[in-house]
Amino acid sequence: MRALRSVRAWLRDAPAIPFLILGLIAFAAVFADFLAPHDPQFGKLSERFLPPFWIERGSTAHIFGTDHLGRDVLSRLIFGARVSMVVGFTAVIVSGVVGTTLGIVSGYLGSWADQIIMRVTDAWLALPALTFAIFLAAIVGPSEMNIVIILAAVYWTRYARIVRGEVLSLKEREFVRLAIVAGCSKWTIMRRHILPNVINSSIVLATLMLGIVIVTEASLSFLGVGVPPPKPAWGVMLADGKQGLMVGHWWLTVMPGTCIMLMVLAANLLGDWLRVKLDPQLRQL
C-alpha cells in the first residue's frame, strides 16, 4: 500500500505532456497491428501523392496522405513508432547495462582494470558518435538487431564515465569501509552497496540518452544504413520524402519529422524531471 501511494505521488508530480506523448507513442507501437488503417508496406500506384484529408484532393481514407508508392502515411507512422521504440529502448538498456557495469568495475577496482577501461572509453569518446555509428553500420549491414548493437557499442561510454566518477566518491564512504571490515568480497560490495547508489544516475542518463539514440537511429535509416526498407521507420520515411519536398509534397517529411521531434522532446523533458526528482540536493531547493 505504501508503494502504491509512492507511485501515485510520483505520477502527480510528473510532467503531463512528456508522459502523454511517450504514452501515445508506446500505445501506437504496441497496438500498431490494430490501429493502422492500411498495410504500411504496400499501396496502390493509382493513389500516389495524395495530400492530407484537409487539403484539396485529400481523402479521409488516408488522413495524412500517401507517399510515392501509394502507401498510407499514417499507417507507416504508427508502425514507425514501433521501430523507434524497440530500437531506442533496447539500445538504451543494453548500453546502460554495459556502461554501468564497466563504470563500477573501473571505479572500484582501480589499478590496471581502471586504466584499460578508461583508456578504451576515452578512445571511444574521441570519435564522433554519428560518424562512428555509420562506419559500424556500413560494416555489419542494415537490420534492426545490428542497429541496436551498434548504438549500444557507441553510447555505453557515457554511462561508464559518469558512473566511474560517482563510484570513486562512494568507495570512500563509511558504509563501504564497514563492508570491507565485515569481510565482504569486492563483487559483493559492488553489487549490494555500490550499484544501488549509482542506479539513479544511470536511469536519468538513460532517459536523456533516449532522444539521442532515436535521432541517431533515424539518421542511420535516412542515410540507408539503418532499418532496411520497405520496413517503415521514421528515418526511412524522411529519406523517401526528401525528393517530394521541393515539389510540394511536404507531408512526406513534415509528418515523420514531427514524430521524431515530439518523441525526442518528451524524452528530454522527462530526463530533466527525473534528474531533479532523483537528486537529493535538487529536491531540497
Foldseek 3Di string as FASTA:
>chain_A
DVVVVVVVVVVVPADDQLCVLVVVLVVLLVCLVPPQLDDQAAAAQVQALQAAQVDPSHDPSQRHGAHNRHGRPVSLLSNQSNLLVVLLLLLLVLLLVVLLVLLLCLQQVPDPSVVVSVVVLVVLVVDDLLVQLLVQLVVPFAASVSLSVSSSVNPSSVSSVVLSVVNNVQCPDPVNVVCVVVPDDPVCCSVPPSVVVCVLVSVLVSLLCSLVSSVSQLCCLLVCSYHHPPRRHLSVQLNRCPVVCVVPSVSSNVVSVVSSVSNNVSSNSSSVVSVQVVDPVSVVD
